[in-house]
Amino acid sequence: MDWDVFEKLMAGCLSCGLASGRTNVVLGRGSRKEGCILFVGEGPGENEDREGLPFVGQAGRLLDLALSALEFPAEDYYVANVVKCRPPQNREPSADEVKACLPFLRQQFVLLKPRIVVALGSVALKALIDPDARITARRGKWVQKGNTLFTATYHPAALLRDESKKLDFYNDLRSVRTEFYGK
């Protein structure tokens, strides 16, 4: 399956109840270059649902600022979410909603063949790395799955609520940079 077929498939997705309340399916943004870094968040918020792109609200601006400060070239990363439709009132997606959307995230993984996957927050951590993990205990640690390295850090929205997490977040992204570029 190529990106065009995938996008058409997603446009008509009715895999879970989130589809009934969405304005847009929010697939991702960034480089579609194989071997990139894949950042995966939880799910779209109000701004993302309206614009059809992930991480365009306040948390997204914070992520973009951090990636820019660490000099990640835009052509080296792609940003997506575990679920592709906005949960009502920005609540955490249910286990059934995550389960319904994971095949689509896996298809993005197949298309991108990322060298590194960064789970942003506990929903992504549990869906991608370890269903029993806690973000505070697992952030910044690496695990190899096949040819891909996985790590987790705080979701940027968590930094907006608790500024004490900013340094850990920055250091985790710096570790991603070092792993990806070797410097």
Protein backbone atom coordinates (compact mmCIF):
# COMPACT_ATOMS: atom_id res chain seq x y z
CA MET A 1 0.00 0.00 0.00
CA ASP A 2 1.32 3.46 -0.85
CA TRP A 3 0.55 6.80 0.83
CA ASP A 4 -2.23 7.72 -1.62
CA VAL A 5 -4.10 4.46 -1.06
CA PHE A 6 -3.57 4.76 2.69
CA GLU A 7 -4.94 8.32 2.78
CA LYS A 8 -8.04 7.31 0.79
CA LEU A 9 -8.61 4.35 3.10
CA MET A 10 -8.32 6.55 6.17
CA ALA A 11 -10.66 9.23 4.84
CA GLY A 12 -13.53 6.76 5.05
CA CYS A 13 -12.52 5.08 8.30
CA LEU A 14 -15.38 4.05 10.59
CA SER A 15 -13.36 1.63 12.76
CA CYS A 16 -14.50 3.14 16.05
CA GLY A 17 -16.97 5.60 17.54
CA LEU A 18 -14.52 8.51 17.28
CA ALA A 19 -15.30 8.75 13.56
CA SER A 20 -18.78 10.11 14.24
CA GLY A 21 -17.48 13.25 15.96
CA ARG A 22 -14.52 14.13 13.79
CA THR A 23 -14.07 16.97 11.36
CA ASN A 24 -10.94 15.44 9.83
CA VAL A 25 -8.95 12.24 10.07
CA VAL A 26 -5.56 13.38 11.37
CA LEU A 27 -2.89 11.19 9.80
CA GLY A 28 0.41 12.95 10.29
CA ARG A 29 2.76 15.63 9.13
CA GLY A 30 6.39 15.79 8.17
CA SER A 31 8.84 13.83 6.10
CA ARG A 32 7.72 10.61 4.52
CA LYS A 33 11.31 9.61 3.95
CA GLU A 34 12.12 6.03 4.89
CA GLY A 35 14.41 5.74 7.88
CA CYS A 36 13.16 8.90 9.57
CA ILE A 37 12.28 9.52 13.20
CA LEU A 38 8.63 8.86 13.99
CA PHE A 39 7.16 10.87 16.87
CA VAL A 40 3.86 9.42 18.09
CA GLY A 41 1.46 11.25 20.38
CA GLU A 42 -1.89 10.31 21.84
CA GLY A 43 -4.59 11.74 19.59
CA PRO A 44 -5.74 14.93 17.93
CA GLY A 45 -7.13 17.84 19.89
CA GLU A 46 -9.56 20.50 18.74
CA ASN A 47 -7.05 22.43 16.60
CA GLU A 48 -5.74 19.24 15.02
CA ASP A 49 -9.25 18.01 14.22
CA ARG A 50 -10.09 21.33 12.58
CA GLU A 51 -6.85 21.56 10.55
CA GLY A 52 -6.39 17.85 9.82
CA LEU A 53 -2.79 17.89 11.07
CA PRO A 54 -1.29 16.61 14.33
CA PHE A 55 0.45 18.79 16.89
CA VAL A 56 -0.63 22.20 15.59
CA GLY A 57 -1.93 23.53 18.92
CA GLN A 58 0.02 24.80 21.90
CA ALA A 59 1.63 21.40 22.62
CA GLY A 60 2.61 21.10 18.97
CA ARG A 61 4.24 24.51 18.98
CA LEU A 62 6.25 23.42 22.03
CA LEU A 63 7.34 20.22 20.24
CA ASP A 64 8.32 22.21 17.14
CA LEU A 65 10.26 24.70 19.27
CA ALA A 66 12.21 21.91 20.98
CA LEU A 67 12.96 20.14 17.69
CA SER A 68 14.09 23.43 16.16
CA ALA A 69 16.28 24.28 19.16
CA LEU A 70 17.95 20.88 18.85
CA GLU A 71 18.37 21.43 15.09
CA PHE A 72 16.33 18.46 13.90
CA PRO A 73 15.93 19.01 10.14
CA ALA A 74 12.25 18.83 9.17
CA GLU A 75 13.08 16.29 6.46
CA ASP A 76 14.19 13.80 9.13
CA TYR A 77 10.98 13.34 11.13
CA TYR A 78 7.30 12.56 10.89
CA VAL A 79 4.70 13.29 13.59
CA ALA A 80 1.58 11.17 14.08
CA ASN A 81 -0.78 9.99 16.81
CA VAL A 82 -1.95 6.63 18.09
CA VAL A 83 -5.59 7.50 17.31
CA LYS A 84 -6.44 9.46 14.19
CA CYS A 85 -9.70 11.10 15.33
CA ARG A 86 -10.32 13.47 18.23
CA PRO A 87 -11.68 11.95 21.42
CA PRO A 88 -14.54 14.09 22.83
CA GLN A 89 -13.39 16.86 25.21
CA ASN A 90 -9.79 15.79 24.50
CA ARG A 91 -10.18 12.83 26.83
CA GLU A 92 -7.67 10.00 26.71
CA PRO A 93 -8.59 7.47 24.02
CA SER A 94 -10.13 4.24 25.31
CA ALA A 95 -8.40 0.88 24.94
CA ASP A 96 -10.91 -0.08 22.23
CA GLU A 97 -10.24 3.14 20.29
CA VAL A 98 -6.49 2.56 20.50
CA LYS A 99 -6.95 -1.04 19.37
CA ALA A 100 -9.08 0.08 16.42
CA CYS A 101 -6.48 2.61 15.27
CA LEU A 102 -3.26 0.66 15.83
CA PRO A 103 -3.41 -1.07 12.43
CA PHE A 104 -3.32 2.37 10.79
CA LEU A 105 -0.32 3.46 12.84
CA ARG A 106 1.34 0.16 11.92
CA GLN A 107 0.71 0.95 8.24
CA GLN A 108 2.40 4.32 8.70
CA PHE A 109 5.28 2.45 10.32
CA VAL A 110 5.49 0.10 7.29
CA LEU A 111 5.51 3.05 4.89
CA LEU A 112 8.08 5.07 6.86
CA LYS A 113 10.36 2.28 8.09
CA PRO A 114 11.56 4.62 10.86
CA ARG A 115 14.96 4.11 12.45
CA ILE A 116 13.67 5.60 15.70
CA VAL A 117 10.18 5.84 17.21
CA VAL A 118 9.56 8.29 20.04
CA ALA A 119 6.42 7.72 22.10
CA LEU A 120 5.16 11.08 23.35
CA GLY A 121 3.32 10.41 26.59
CA SER A 122 1.86 7.41 28.34
CA VAL A 123 -0.83 6.48 25.77
CA ALA A 124 1.80 6.13 23.04
CA LEU A 125 4.24 4.43 25.43
CA LYS A 126 1.65 1.81 26.37
CA ALA A 127 0.52 1.26 22.78
CA LEU A 128 4.02 1.03 21.28
CA ILE A 129 6.45 -0.18 23.92
CA ASP A 130 4.92 -1.69 27.05
CA PRO A 131 1.25 -1.75 28.07
CA ASP A 132 2.20 -1.81 31.76
CA ALA A 133 4.82 0.95 31.65
CA ARG A 134 4.64 4.29 33.41
CA ILE A 135 6.04 7.28 31.55
CA THR A 136 7.96 8.54 34.59
CA ALA A 137 9.81 5.21 34.87
CA ARG A 138 10.36 4.51 31.13
CA ARG A 139 11.07 7.92 29.65
CA GLY A 140 14.53 8.28 28.18
CA LYS A 141 15.21 4.54 28.03
CA TRP A 142 15.77 2.71 24.76
CA VAL A 143 14.44 -0.62 23.52
CA GLN A 144 15.24 -2.33 20.22
CA LYS A 145 12.40 -3.95 18.28
CA GLY A 146 13.57 -5.43 15.00
CA ASN A 147 15.57 -2.78 13.19
CA THR A 148 13.95 0.10 15.06
CA LEU A 149 14.89 1.81 18.32
CA PHE A 150 12.02 2.92 20.55
CA THR A 151 12.05 5.42 23.38
CA ALA A 152 9.52 7.53 25.24
CA THR A 153 9.33 10.98 26.72
CA TYR A 154 6.67 13.23 28.14
CA HIS A 155 3.91 14.48 25.89
CA PRO A 156 4.47 18.20 25.22
CA ALA A 157 1.06 18.94 26.77
CA ALA A 158 2.38 17.58 30.08
CA LEU A 159 5.07 20.27 30.01
CA LEU A 160 2.40 22.94 29.70
CA ARG A 161 0.89 21.66 32.96
CA ASP A 162 4.19 20.96 34.76
CA GLU A 163 7.22 22.99 33.72
CA SER A 164 9.52 20.86 35.89
CA LYS A 165 9.37 18.20 33.12
CA LYS A 166 10.85 20.47 30.45
CA LEU A 167 14.49 19.65 31.13
CA ASP A 168 13.83 15.89 31.04
CA PHE A 169 11.89 16.32 27.80
CA TYR A 170 14.70 18.36 26.25
CA ASN A 171 17.34 15.86 27.38
CA ASP A 172 15.28 12.96 26.02
CA LEU A 173 15.05 14.67 22.63
CA ARG A 174 18.77 15.42 22.75
CA SER A 175 19.34 11.68 23.29
CA VAL A 176 17.18 10.97 20.23
CA ARG A 177 19.29 13.42 18.24
CA THR A 178 22.51 11.77 19.39
CA GLU A 179 21.21 8.30 18.56
CA PHE A 180 19.96 9.36 15.12
CA TYR A 181 22.86 11.54 14.00
CA GLY A 182 25.68 10.14 16.13
CA LYS A 183 26.44 13.55 17.63
